[in-house]
Amino acid sequence: MKPIERGELLGLAEYEAIREPFRARVIAEKKARRVALGPNASCVFENRDTAMMQIQEMLRTERITREAAILHEIETYNQLVPGDHELSATVLIEIDEKPDREKFLFEAKGLDRSFALLVDGLRCPGKHDESRESPDRTTAVHYLKFPLEAAAERALRDVLEKTRKPADVAVELVVEHARYSARTTLPASLVQSLAEDLA
């Protein structure tokens, strides 16, 4: 998937003019790309649209107009855009009470390295940004890439090429950590979306 380029961004006034329909479309898309991962986490599979909305909303909220600052936002959020042969996701830890959340984040250190996608049973471990990792705790937001094994990518490309139905490709998201383990099977509609991410 191609990274977002400077020329694709709208100025603040231009964005304001199309913001409501654009946001409504991407929010609906994000909802369809979101899955629960156990009782205390959810995952959104990212693509160009979700990253574009993050950039435009950040520029709008912070009233960013300096070119260097705009380029910084593009660089930051382009990390959400999946590259070749991979999928991209953001996992959110969802524990409302701050003391409970803080306790969990300390107990779950190393959680960053505990995510994987299983495609037709083939394990594709998640990769995280090691510069964000702390030796003492984990974070409440995990930005992950899932480099796809060749056979896993082939299965999704078969969906893209309509030689397999999305419901016939089993895709699971798993987290396996002493403090938090869960797994979820992705619905066929999301498998179709992830296949399209590889186009």
N, C-alpha and C. Protein backbone atom coordinates (compact mmCIF):
# COMPACT_ATOMS: atom_id res chain seq x y z
N MET A 1 0.86 -1.18 0.00
CA MET A 1 0.00 0.00 0.00
C MET A 1 0.90 1.24 0.00
N LYS A 2 0.56 2.18 -0.86
CA LYS A 2 1.39 3.38 -1.06
C LYS A 2 1.27 4.33 0.14
N PRO A 3 2.40 4.84 0.66
CA PRO A 3 2.32 5.82 1.75
C PRO A 3 1.59 7.09 1.29
N ILE A 4 1.07 7.83 2.25
CA ILE A 4 0.38 9.08 1.97
C ILE A 4 1.42 10.15 1.61
N GLU A 5 1.13 10.90 0.56
CA GLU A 5 2.06 11.93 0.10
C GLU A 5 1.52 13.32 0.44
N ARG A 6 2.42 14.28 0.49
CA ARG A 6 2.07 15.65 0.89
C ARG A 6 0.96 16.23 0.02
N GLY A 7 1.02 15.97 -1.30
CA GLY A 7 0.07 16.54 -2.23
C GLY A 7 -1.36 16.04 -2.05
N GLU A 8 -1.53 14.95 -1.32
CA GLU A 8 -2.87 14.41 -1.11
C GLU A 8 -3.63 15.11 0.01
N LEU A 9 -2.90 15.82 0.87
CA LEU A 9 -3.55 16.47 2.02
C LEU A 9 -4.26 17.75 1.60
N LEU A 10 -5.38 17.99 2.24
CA LEU A 10 -6.14 19.22 2.00
C LEU A 10 -5.73 20.28 3.02
N GLY A 11 -5.82 21.54 2.60
CA GLY A 11 -5.62 22.63 3.55
C GLY A 11 -6.77 22.66 4.55
N LEU A 12 -6.61 23.43 5.61
CA LEU A 12 -7.61 23.43 6.69
C LEU A 12 -9.00 23.81 6.18
N ALA A 13 -9.10 24.85 5.36
CA ALA A 13 -10.41 25.29 4.86
C ALA A 13 -11.01 24.26 3.91
N GLU A 14 -10.16 23.70 3.04
CA GLU A 14 -10.65 22.66 2.11
C GLU A 14 -11.15 21.44 2.88
N TYR A 15 -10.40 21.05 3.90
CA TYR A 15 -10.79 19.87 4.68
C TYR A 15 -12.11 20.13 5.41
N GLU A 16 -12.25 21.32 5.94
CA GLU A 16 -13.47 21.65 6.68
C GLU A 16 -14.70 21.46 5.78
N ALA A 17 -14.54 21.80 4.51
CA ALA A 17 -15.66 21.72 3.57
C ALA A 17 -16.13 20.29 3.32
N ILE A 18 -15.21 19.33 3.42
CA ILE A 18 -15.59 17.93 3.12
C ILE A 18 -15.53 17.05 4.37
N ARG A 19 -15.24 17.65 5.52
CA ARG A 19 -14.94 16.88 6.73
C ARG A 19 -16.06 15.93 7.13
N GLU A 20 -17.28 16.43 7.21
CA GLU A 20 -18.37 15.59 7.74
C GLU A 20 -18.58 14.32 6.93
N PRO A 21 -18.76 14.40 5.59
CA PRO A 21 -18.93 13.14 4.85
C PRO A 21 -17.69 12.25 4.86
N PHE A 22 -16.50 12.87 4.82
CA PHE A 22 -15.26 12.09 4.85
C PHE A 22 -15.14 11.33 6.17
N ARG A 23 -15.34 12.06 7.28
CA ARG A 23 -15.25 11.41 8.59
C ARG A 23 -16.30 10.31 8.75
N ALA A 24 -17.51 10.58 8.30
CA ALA A 24 -18.58 9.58 8.42
C ALA A 24 -18.20 8.30 7.67
N ARG A 25 -17.63 8.47 6.47
CA ARG A 25 -17.23 7.30 5.68
C ARG A 25 -16.11 6.52 6.37
N VAL A 26 -15.08 7.23 6.84
CA VAL A 26 -13.92 6.53 7.42
C VAL A 26 -14.29 5.94 8.79
N ILE A 27 -15.11 6.62 9.56
CA ILE A 27 -15.54 6.07 10.85
C ILE A 27 -16.32 4.77 10.63
N ALA A 28 -17.18 4.75 9.62
CA ALA A 28 -17.91 3.52 9.29
C ALA A 28 -16.94 2.42 8.86
N GLU A 29 -15.93 2.81 8.09
CA GLU A 29 -14.91 1.85 7.64
C GLU A 29 -14.13 1.30 8.83
N LYS A 30 -13.76 2.20 9.75
CA LYS A 30 -13.02 1.76 10.95
C LYS A 30 -13.86 0.81 11.80
N LYS A 31 -15.14 1.11 11.90
CA LYS A 31 -16.03 0.25 12.68
C LYS A 31 -16.05 -1.16 12.10
N ALA A 32 -16.08 -1.25 10.77
CA ALA A 32 -16.09 -2.55 10.10
C ALA A 32 -14.73 -3.25 10.21
N ARG A 33 -13.68 -2.49 10.51
CA ARG A 33 -12.32 -3.06 10.61
C ARG A 33 -11.88 -3.25 12.06
N ARG A 34 -12.83 -3.10 12.98
CA ARG A 34 -12.54 -3.24 14.41
C ARG A 34 -13.05 -4.59 14.92
N VAL A 35 -12.24 -5.23 15.76
CA VAL A 35 -12.67 -6.46 16.43
C VAL A 35 -12.29 -6.38 17.90
N ALA A 36 -13.10 -7.00 18.73
CA ALA A 36 -12.75 -7.15 20.14
C ALA A 36 -11.71 -8.25 20.26
N LEU A 37 -10.77 -8.07 21.17
CA LEU A 37 -9.76 -9.09 21.45
C LEU A 37 -9.81 -9.35 22.95
N GLY A 38 -10.71 -10.24 23.35
CA GLY A 38 -10.92 -10.50 24.76
C GLY A 38 -11.69 -9.35 25.40
N PRO A 39 -11.83 -9.36 26.73
CA PRO A 39 -12.67 -8.38 27.41
C PRO A 39 -12.05 -6.99 27.55
N ASN A 40 -10.72 -6.87 27.38
CA ASN A 40 -10.05 -5.59 27.68
C ASN A 40 -9.20 -5.04 26.55
N ALA A 41 -9.47 -5.47 25.32
CA ALA A 41 -8.69 -4.95 24.20
C ALA A 41 -9.54 -4.97 22.94
N SER A 42 -9.23 -4.04 22.04
CA SER A 42 -9.83 -4.06 20.71
C SER A 42 -8.75 -3.74 19.70
N CYS A 43 -9.02 -4.11 18.47
CA CYS A 43 -8.03 -3.93 17.40
C CYS A 43 -8.72 -3.31 16.19
N VAL A 44 -8.06 -2.30 15.62
CA VAL A 44 -8.50 -1.73 14.35
C VAL A 44 -7.41 -2.00 13.31
N PHE A 45 -7.79 -2.63 12.21
CA PHE A 45 -6.84 -2.84 11.12
C PHE A 45 -6.79 -1.55 10.29
N GLU A 46 -5.57 -1.01 10.18
CA GLU A 46 -5.38 0.30 9.57
C GLU A 46 -5.16 0.18 8.06
N ASN A 47 -5.47 1.28 7.35
CA ASN A 47 -5.17 1.39 5.93
C ASN A 47 -4.94 2.86 5.59
N ARG A 48 -4.87 3.19 4.32
CA ARG A 48 -4.59 4.59 3.94
C ARG A 48 -5.68 5.53 4.41
N ASP A 49 -6.94 5.09 4.32
CA ASP A 49 -8.04 5.96 4.73
C ASP A 49 -7.97 6.31 6.21
N THR A 50 -7.71 5.30 7.04
CA THR A 50 -7.68 5.55 8.49
C THR A 50 -6.50 6.46 8.84
N ALA A 51 -5.36 6.25 8.17
CA ALA A 51 -4.19 7.11 8.42
C ALA A 51 -4.43 8.53 7.91
N MET A 52 -5.07 8.65 6.74
CA MET A 52 -5.36 9.97 6.18
C MET A 52 -6.26 10.76 7.11
N MET A 53 -7.28 10.10 7.66
CA MET A 53 -8.17 10.81 8.58
C MET A 53 -7.42 11.26 9.83
N GLN A 54 -6.53 10.42 10.35
CA GLN A 54 -5.75 10.79 11.53
C GLN A 54 -4.92 12.04 11.24
N ILE A 55 -4.29 12.09 10.07
CA ILE A 55 -3.45 13.25 9.72
C ILE A 55 -4.32 14.50 9.60
N GLN A 56 -5.40 14.40 8.81
CA GLN A 56 -6.23 15.59 8.58
C GLN A 56 -6.84 16.09 9.88
N GLU A 57 -7.26 15.17 10.74
CA GLU A 57 -7.86 15.57 12.02
C GLU A 57 -6.81 16.21 12.93
N MET A 58 -5.59 15.68 12.91
CA MET A 58 -4.53 16.26 13.74
C MET A 58 -4.20 17.67 13.27
N LEU A 59 -4.08 17.85 11.95
CA LEU A 59 -3.80 19.18 11.41
C LEU A 59 -4.92 20.15 11.80
N ARG A 60 -6.16 19.69 11.73
CA ARG A 60 -7.30 20.54 12.05
C ARG A 60 -7.33 20.89 13.54
N THR A 61 -7.20 19.86 14.40
CA THR A 61 -7.30 20.07 15.84
C THR A 61 -6.19 20.98 16.36
N GLU A 62 -4.97 20.74 15.87
CA GLU A 62 -3.81 21.51 16.35
C GLU A 62 -3.57 22.77 15.51
N ARG A 63 -4.41 22.99 14.49
CA ARG A 63 -4.26 24.15 13.58
C ARG A 63 -2.82 24.19 13.03
N ILE A 64 -2.35 23.07 12.56
CA ILE A 64 -0.97 22.95 12.06
C ILE A 64 -0.93 23.46 10.61
N THR A 65 -0.05 24.44 10.37
CA THR A 65 0.11 24.97 9.01
C THR A 65 1.59 25.04 8.58
N ARG A 66 2.50 24.96 9.55
CA ARG A 66 3.94 25.00 9.20
C ARG A 66 4.30 23.74 8.43
N GLU A 67 5.02 23.91 7.33
CA GLU A 67 5.32 22.78 6.45
C GLU A 67 6.08 21.66 7.19
N ALA A 68 7.06 22.02 8.01
CA ALA A 68 7.84 21.00 8.73
C ALA A 68 6.94 20.19 9.66
N ALA A 69 5.98 20.87 10.29
CA ALA A 69 5.07 20.18 11.22
C ALA A 69 4.11 19.28 10.45
N ILE A 70 3.67 19.72 9.28
CA ILE A 70 2.80 18.89 8.44
C ILE A 70 3.54 17.62 8.01
N LEU A 71 4.78 17.79 7.58
CA LEU A 71 5.58 16.65 7.13
C LEU A 71 5.82 15.67 8.29
N HIS A 72 5.98 16.21 9.50
CA HIS A 72 6.16 15.35 10.67
C HIS A 72 4.91 14.50 10.90
N GLU A 73 3.73 15.10 10.78
CA GLU A 73 2.48 14.34 10.96
C GLU A 73 2.35 13.25 9.90
N ILE A 74 2.71 13.59 8.66
CA ILE A 74 2.66 12.59 7.59
C ILE A 74 3.58 11.42 7.91
N GLU A 75 4.80 11.74 8.33
CA GLU A 75 5.77 10.68 8.66
C GLU A 75 5.26 9.82 9.82
N THR A 76 4.70 10.45 10.83
CA THR A 76 4.20 9.73 12.00
C THR A 76 3.09 8.77 11.62
N TYR A 77 2.09 9.28 10.91
CA TYR A 77 0.91 8.45 10.63
C TYR A 77 1.09 7.52 9.46
N ASN A 78 2.09 7.78 8.61
CA ASN A 78 2.39 6.81 7.55
C ASN A 78 2.85 5.48 8.13
N GLN A 79 3.30 5.51 9.39
CA GLN A 79 3.69 4.25 10.03
C GLN A 79 2.49 3.32 10.21
N LEU A 80 1.27 3.87 10.15
CA LEU A 80 0.06 3.04 10.25
C LEU A 80 -0.30 2.38 8.93
N VAL A 81 0.22 2.91 7.82
CA VAL A 81 -0.13 2.39 6.50
C VAL A 81 0.66 1.09 6.27
N PRO A 82 -0.04 -0.01 5.97
CA PRO A 82 0.70 -1.25 5.74
C PRO A 82 1.59 -1.16 4.50
N GLY A 83 2.77 -1.72 4.59
CA GLY A 83 3.67 -1.78 3.44
C GLY A 83 3.38 -3.04 2.62
N ASP A 84 4.27 -3.34 1.69
CA ASP A 84 4.11 -4.54 0.88
C ASP A 84 4.20 -5.79 1.77
N HIS A 85 3.37 -6.76 1.49
CA HIS A 85 3.40 -8.08 2.14
C HIS A 85 3.15 -8.01 3.65
N GLU A 86 2.35 -7.02 4.09
CA GLU A 86 2.05 -6.94 5.52
C GLU A 86 0.68 -6.30 5.74
N LEU A 87 0.16 -6.52 6.93
CA LEU A 87 -1.05 -5.84 7.40
C LEU A 87 -0.66 -5.00 8.60
N SER A 88 -1.50 -4.01 8.91
CA SER A 88 -1.19 -3.06 9.97
C SER A 88 -2.38 -2.94 10.90
N ALA A 89 -2.11 -2.79 12.20
CA ALA A 89 -3.21 -2.70 13.17
C ALA A 89 -2.81 -1.85 14.37
N THR A 90 -3.83 -1.30 15.01
CA THR A 90 -3.66 -0.63 16.29
C THR A 90 -4.49 -1.38 17.31
N VAL A 91 -3.84 -1.83 18.38
CA VAL A 91 -4.54 -2.52 19.47
C VAL A 91 -4.63 -1.57 20.65
N LEU A 92 -5.84 -1.42 21.18
CA LEU A 92 -6.09 -0.53 22.31
C LEU A 92 -6.44 -1.35 23.54
N ILE A 93 -5.77 -1.08 24.65
CA ILE A 93 -6.14 -1.68 25.93
C ILE A 93 -7.27 -0.83 26.50
N GLU A 94 -8.38 -1.47 26.84
CA GLU A 94 -9.58 -0.75 27.26
C GLU A 94 -9.96 -1.13 28.69
N ILE A 95 -9.38 -0.42 29.64
CA ILE A 95 -9.71 -0.57 31.06
C ILE A 95 -10.03 0.82 31.57
N ASP A 96 -11.28 1.05 31.93
CA ASP A 96 -11.76 2.40 32.23
C ASP A 96 -11.11 3.02 33.45
N GLU A 97 -11.02 2.27 34.54
CA GLU A 97 -10.51 2.83 35.79
C GLU A 97 -8.98 2.97 35.72
N LYS A 98 -8.49 4.19 35.93
CA LYS A 98 -7.06 4.44 35.78
C LYS A 98 -6.19 3.56 36.68
N PRO A 99 -6.51 3.39 37.99
CA PRO A 99 -5.65 2.53 38.82
C PRO A 99 -5.60 1.09 38.30
N ASP A 100 -6.74 0.57 37.86
CA ASP A 100 -6.78 -0.80 37.31
C ASP A 100 -5.96 -0.88 36.03
N ARG A 101 -6.09 0.16 35.20
CA ARG A 101 -5.36 0.17 33.93
C ARG A 101 -3.86 0.22 34.19
N GLU A 102 -3.43 1.10 35.09
CA GLU A 102 -2.00 1.22 35.40
C GLU A 102 -1.44 -0.10 35.94
N LYS A 103 -2.20 -0.73 36.82
CA LYS A 103 -1.77 -2.03 37.39
C LYS A 103 -1.59 -3.06 36.27
N PHE A 104 -2.58 -3.09 35.36
CA PHE A 104 -2.51 -4.03 34.24
C PHE A 104 -1.28 -3.76 33.37
N LEU A 105 -1.02 -2.49 33.05
CA LEU A 105 0.08 -2.15 32.15
C LEU A 105 1.43 -2.55 32.72
N PHE A 106 1.57 -2.48 34.04
CA PHE A 106 2.81 -2.95 34.67
C PHE A 106 2.88 -4.47 34.66
N GLU A 107 1.78 -5.12 34.97
CA GLU A 107 1.77 -6.59 35.01
C GLU A 107 1.93 -7.22 33.63
N ALA A 108 1.54 -6.48 32.59
CA ALA A 108 1.56 -7.03 31.23
C ALA A 108 2.77 -6.57 30.42
N LYS A 109 3.87 -6.20 31.09
CA LYS A 109 5.05 -5.79 30.32
C LYS A 109 5.44 -6.91 29.36
N GLY A 110 5.87 -6.53 28.18
CA GLY A 110 6.19 -7.51 27.14
C GLY A 110 5.00 -7.88 26.27
N LEU A 111 3.83 -7.33 26.59
CA LEU A 111 2.64 -7.62 25.78
C LEU A 111 2.86 -7.24 24.32
N ASP A 112 3.67 -6.22 24.09
CA ASP A 112 3.98 -5.73 22.74
C ASP A 112 4.40 -6.86 21.80
N ARG A 113 5.09 -7.88 22.37
CA ARG A 113 5.65 -8.97 21.56
C ARG A 113 4.75 -10.20 21.51
N SER A 114 3.49 -10.05 21.94
CA SER A 114 2.64 -11.22 22.17
C SER A 114 1.49 -11.38 21.17
N PHE A 115 1.47 -10.56 20.11
CA PHE A 115 0.36 -10.59 19.15
C PHE A 115 0.76 -11.36 17.89
N ALA A 116 -0.23 -12.00 17.28
CA ALA A 116 0.00 -12.68 16.00
C ALA A 116 -1.31 -12.79 15.24
N LEU A 117 -1.18 -12.89 13.93
CA LEU A 117 -2.30 -13.27 13.07
C LEU A 117 -2.09 -14.71 12.65
N LEU A 118 -3.15 -15.48 12.65
CA LEU A 118 -3.10 -16.84 12.12
C LEU A 118 -3.95 -16.84 10.86
N VAL A 119 -3.35 -17.17 9.75
CA VAL A 119 -4.07 -17.24 8.47
C VAL A 119 -4.04 -18.69 8.01
N ASP A 120 -5.21 -19.31 7.99
CA ASP A 120 -5.30 -20.75 7.70
C ASP A 120 -4.33 -21.52 8.60
N GLY A 121 -4.21 -21.10 9.85
CA GLY A 121 -3.36 -21.78 10.82
C GLY A 121 -1.90 -21.37 10.77
N LEU A 122 -1.50 -20.58 9.77
CA LEU A 122 -0.11 -20.15 9.63
C LEU A 122 0.12 -18.91 10.46
N ARG A 123 1.09 -18.98 11.36
CA ARG A 123 1.33 -17.90 12.32
C ARG A 123 2.17 -16.78 11.71
N CYS A 124 1.66 -15.55 11.80
CA CYS A 124 2.38 -14.35 11.34
C CYS A 124 2.54 -13.44 12.55
N PRO A 125 3.69 -13.51 13.26
CA PRO A 125 3.86 -12.71 14.48
C PRO A 125 3.81 -11.21 14.21
N GLY A 126 3.24 -10.47 15.16
CA GLY A 126 3.19 -9.02 15.07
C GLY A 126 4.55 -8.41 15.38
N LYS A 127 4.87 -7.32 14.70
CA LYS A 127 6.10 -6.56 14.98
C LYS A 127 5.68 -5.20 15.51
N HIS A 128 6.35 -4.76 16.56
CA HIS A 128 6.05 -3.46 17.15
C HIS A 128 7.28 -2.57 17.05
N ASP A 129 7.09 -1.30 17.32
CA ASP A 129 8.18 -0.33 17.31
C ASP A 129 8.93 -0.47 18.63
N GLU A 130 10.11 -1.05 18.58
CA GLU A 130 10.86 -1.33 19.81
C GLU A 130 11.26 -0.05 20.54
N SER A 131 11.31 1.06 19.83
CA SER A 131 11.68 2.32 20.50
C SER A 131 10.58 2.78 21.46
N ARG A 132 9.36 2.25 21.28
CA ARG A 132 8.24 2.61 22.17
C ARG A 132 8.13 1.65 23.36
N GLU A 133 8.93 0.61 23.37
CA GLU A 133 8.82 -0.42 24.40
C GLU A 133 9.54 0.02 25.68
N SER A 134 8.90 -0.25 26.81
CA SER A 134 9.48 0.07 28.11
C SER A 134 9.84 -1.24 28.82
N PRO A 135 10.96 -1.25 29.55
CA PRO A 135 11.31 -2.48 30.29
C PRO A 135 10.40 -2.73 31.48
N ASP A 136 9.68 -1.71 31.95
CA ASP A 136 8.89 -1.82 33.18
C ASP A 136 7.41 -2.10 32.96
N ARG A 137 6.90 -1.76 31.78
CA ARG A 137 5.46 -1.83 31.57
C ARG A 137 5.16 -1.92 30.08
N THR A 138 3.92 -2.16 29.75
CA THR A 138 3.49 -2.07 28.37
C THR A 138 2.73 -0.76 28.20
N THR A 139 2.24 -0.50 27.00
CA THR A 139 1.50 0.72 26.73
C THR A 139 0.02 0.39 26.51
N ALA A 140 -0.81 1.41 26.55
CA ALA A 140 -2.25 1.21 26.33
C ALA A 140 -2.59 1.17 24.85
N VAL A 141 -1.66 1.61 23.99
CA VAL A 141 -1.87 1.59 22.55
C VAL A 141 -0.69 0.89 21.90
N HIS A 142 -1.00 -0.11 21.07
CA HIS A 142 0.05 -0.89 20.40
C HIS A 142 -0.10 -0.72 18.90
N TYR A 143 0.94 -0.21 18.24
CA TYR A 143 0.95 -0.09 16.79
C TYR A 143 1.72 -1.30 16.25
N LEU A 144 1.05 -2.11 15.46
CA LEU A 144 1.61 -3.39 15.03
C LEU A 144 1.62 -3.53 13.52
N LYS A 145 2.64 -4.21 13.03
CA LYS A 145 2.66 -4.68 11.64
C LYS A 145 2.69 -6.20 11.69
N PHE A 146 1.99 -6.81 10.75
CA PHE A 146 1.99 -8.26 10.64
C PHE A 146 2.58 -8.65 9.28
N PRO A 147 3.91 -8.87 9.21
CA PRO A 147 4.49 -9.36 7.96
C PRO A 147 3.88 -10.73 7.65
N LEU A 148 3.43 -10.89 6.41
CA LEU A 148 2.70 -12.12 6.06
C LEU A 148 3.65 -13.17 5.49
N GLU A 149 3.55 -14.37 6.04
CA GLU A 149 4.22 -15.51 5.41
C GLU A 149 3.66 -15.66 4.00
N ALA A 150 4.47 -16.22 3.10
CA ALA A 150 4.07 -16.30 1.68
C ALA A 150 2.73 -17.01 1.51
N ALA A 151 2.54 -18.12 2.22
CA ALA A 151 1.29 -18.88 2.05
C ALA A 151 0.10 -18.12 2.63
N ALA A 152 0.33 -17.34 3.68
CA ALA A 152 -0.73 -16.53 4.27
C ALA A 152 -1.14 -15.42 3.30
N GLU A 153 -0.14 -14.78 2.69
CA GLU A 153 -0.46 -13.75 1.70
C GLU A 153 -1.18 -14.36 0.51
N ARG A 154 -0.75 -15.56 0.10
CA ARG A 154 -1.39 -16.22 -1.04
C ARG A 154 -2.87 -16.48 -0.75
N ALA A 155 -3.18 -16.90 0.48
CA ALA A 155 -4.57 -17.17 0.85
C ALA A 155 -5.42 -15.91 0.71
N LEU A 156 -4.88 -14.76 1.17
CA LEU A 156 -5.63 -13.51 1.07
C LEU A 156 -5.71 -13.03 -0.39
N ARG A 157 -4.65 -13.26 -1.15
CA ARG A 157 -4.70 -12.88 -2.57
C ARG A 157 -5.70 -13.75 -3.33
N ASP A 158 -5.88 -14.99 -2.90
CA ASP A 158 -6.91 -15.84 -3.52
C ASP A 158 -8.29 -15.22 -3.33
N VAL A 159 -8.51 -14.59 -2.17
CA VAL A 159 -9.77 -13.89 -1.93
C VAL A 159 -9.88 -12.69 -2.87
N LEU A 160 -8.79 -11.95 -2.99
CA LEU A 160 -8.75 -10.78 -3.86
C LEU A 160 -9.05 -11.17 -5.30
N GLU A 161 -8.53 -12.33 -5.71
CA GLU A 161 -8.69 -12.80 -7.09
C GLU A 161 -9.95 -13.64 -7.28
N LYS A 162 -10.75 -13.74 -6.19
CA LYS A 162 -12.04 -14.44 -6.21
C LYS A 162 -11.92 -15.94 -6.52
N THR A 163 -10.76 -16.54 -6.18
CA THR A 163 -10.65 -17.99 -6.32
C THR A 163 -10.98 -18.70 -5.00
N ARG A 164 -11.08 -17.89 -3.92
CA ARG A 164 -11.58 -18.40 -2.63
C ARG A 164 -12.52 -17.36 -2.05
N LYS A 165 -13.50 -17.84 -1.32
CA LYS A 165 -14.42 -16.93 -0.64
C LYS A 165 -13.79 -16.49 0.68
N PRO A 166 -14.06 -15.24 1.11
CA PRO A 166 -13.47 -14.78 2.37
C PRO A 166 -13.84 -15.68 3.56
N ALA A 167 -15.04 -16.24 3.54
CA ALA A 167 -15.47 -17.10 4.65
C ALA A 167 -14.68 -18.41 4.69
N ASP A 168 -13.99 -18.74 3.58
CA ASP A 168 -13.23 -19.99 3.53
C ASP A 168 -11.77 -19.81 3.95
N VAL A 169 -11.38 -18.58 4.25
CA VAL A 169 -10.02 -18.32 4.75
C VAL A 169 -10.13 -17.98 6.23
N ALA A 170 -9.58 -18.84 7.06
CA ALA A 170 -9.67 -18.64 8.52
C ALA A 170 -8.57 -17.67 8.96
N VAL A 171 -8.98 -16.52 9.48
CA VAL A 171 -8.01 -15.54 9.99
C VAL A 171 -8.36 -15.25 11.44
N GLU A 172 -7.38 -15.48 12.32
CA GLU A 172 -7.57 -15.21 13.74
C GLU A 172 -6.52 -14.21 14.21
N LEU A 173 -6.92 -13.35 15.12
CA LEU A 173 -6.01 -12.46 15.82
C LEU A 173 -5.84 -13.02 17.22
N VAL A 174 -4.60 -13.19 17.66
CA VAL A 174 -4.35 -13.77 18.98
C VAL A 174 -3.37 -12.91 19.76
N VAL A 175 -3.53 -12.95 21.08
CA VAL A 175 -2.53 -12.39 21.99
C VAL A 175 -2.28 -13.48 23.03
N GLU A 176 -1.01 -13.78 23.26
CA GLU A 176 -0.64 -14.86 24.18
C GLU A 176 0.41 -14.34 25.14
N HIS A 177 -0.04 -13.97 26.33
CA HIS A 177 0.82 -13.40 27.36
C HIS A 177 0.34 -13.94 28.70
N ALA A 178 1.26 -14.09 29.66
CA ALA A 178 0.88 -14.65 30.97
C ALA A 178 -0.24 -13.83 31.62
N ARG A 179 -0.27 -12.53 31.38
CA ARG A 179 -1.26 -11.67 32.03
C ARG A 179 -2.53 -11.51 31.22
N TYR A 180 -2.43 -11.72 29.88
CA TYR A 180 -3.61 -11.49 29.03
C TYR A 180 -3.50 -12.35 27.77
N SER A 181 -4.43 -13.28 27.65
CA SER A 181 -4.50 -14.12 26.46
C SER A 181 -5.91 -14.08 25.90
N ALA A 182 -6.00 -13.97 24.59
CA ALA A 182 -7.32 -13.95 23.94
C ALA A 182 -7.12 -14.25 22.46
N ARG A 183 -8.21 -14.65 21.83
CA ARG A 183 -8.18 -14.84 20.38
C ARG A 183 -9.54 -14.52 19.81
N THR A 184 -9.55 -14.05 18.58
CA THR A 184 -10.81 -13.76 17.92
C THR A 184 -10.69 -14.13 16.45
N THR A 185 -11.77 -14.68 15.92
CA THR A 185 -11.84 -15.00 14.49
C THR A 185 -12.40 -13.80 13.75
N LEU A 186 -11.71 -13.37 12.70
CA LEU A 186 -12.16 -12.20 11.95
C LEU A 186 -13.35 -12.58 11.07
N PRO A 187 -14.36 -11.70 11.01
CA PRO A 187 -15.50 -11.98 10.14
C PRO A 187 -15.09 -11.94 8.67
N ALA A 188 -15.88 -12.61 7.83
CA ALA A 188 -15.57 -12.70 6.40
C ALA A 188 -15.46 -11.31 5.77
N SER A 189 -16.28 -10.37 6.21
CA SER A 189 -16.23 -9.02 5.63
C SER A 189 -14.89 -8.36 5.89
N LEU A 190 -14.31 -8.60 7.06
CA LEU A 190 -13.01 -8.03 7.38
C LEU A 190 -11.90 -8.76 6.63
N VAL A 191 -12.03 -10.07 6.48
CA VAL A 191 -11.05 -10.81 5.68
C VAL A 191 -11.02 -10.25 4.24
N GLN A 192 -12.20 -9.93 3.72
CA GLN A 192 -12.29 -9.32 2.37
C GLN A 192 -11.55 -7.97 2.36
N SER A 193 -11.77 -7.15 3.37
CA SER A 193 -11.11 -5.83 3.45
C SER A 193 -9.60 -5.98 3.53
N LEU A 194 -9.12 -6.94 4.33
CA LEU A 194 -7.67 -7.13 4.47
C LEU A 194 -7.08 -7.63 3.17
N ALA A 195 -7.80 -8.47 2.45
CA ALA A 195 -7.33 -8.91 1.13
C ALA A 195 -7.19 -7.70 0.21
N GLU A 196 -8.17 -6.78 0.28
CA GLU A 196 -8.11 -5.59 -0.58
C GLU A 196 -6.94 -4.68 -0.20
N ASP A 197 -6.49 -4.75 1.06
CA ASP A 197 -5.32 -3.97 1.47
C ASP A 197 -4.07 -4.39 0.70
N LEU A 198 -4.07 -5.60 0.18
CA LEU A 198 -2.90 -6.11 -0.53
C LEU A 198 -2.92 -5.74 -2.02
N ALA A 199 -4.03 -5.14 -2.46
CA ALA A 199 -4.17 -4.81 -3.90
C ALA A 199 -3.12 -3.79 -4.34
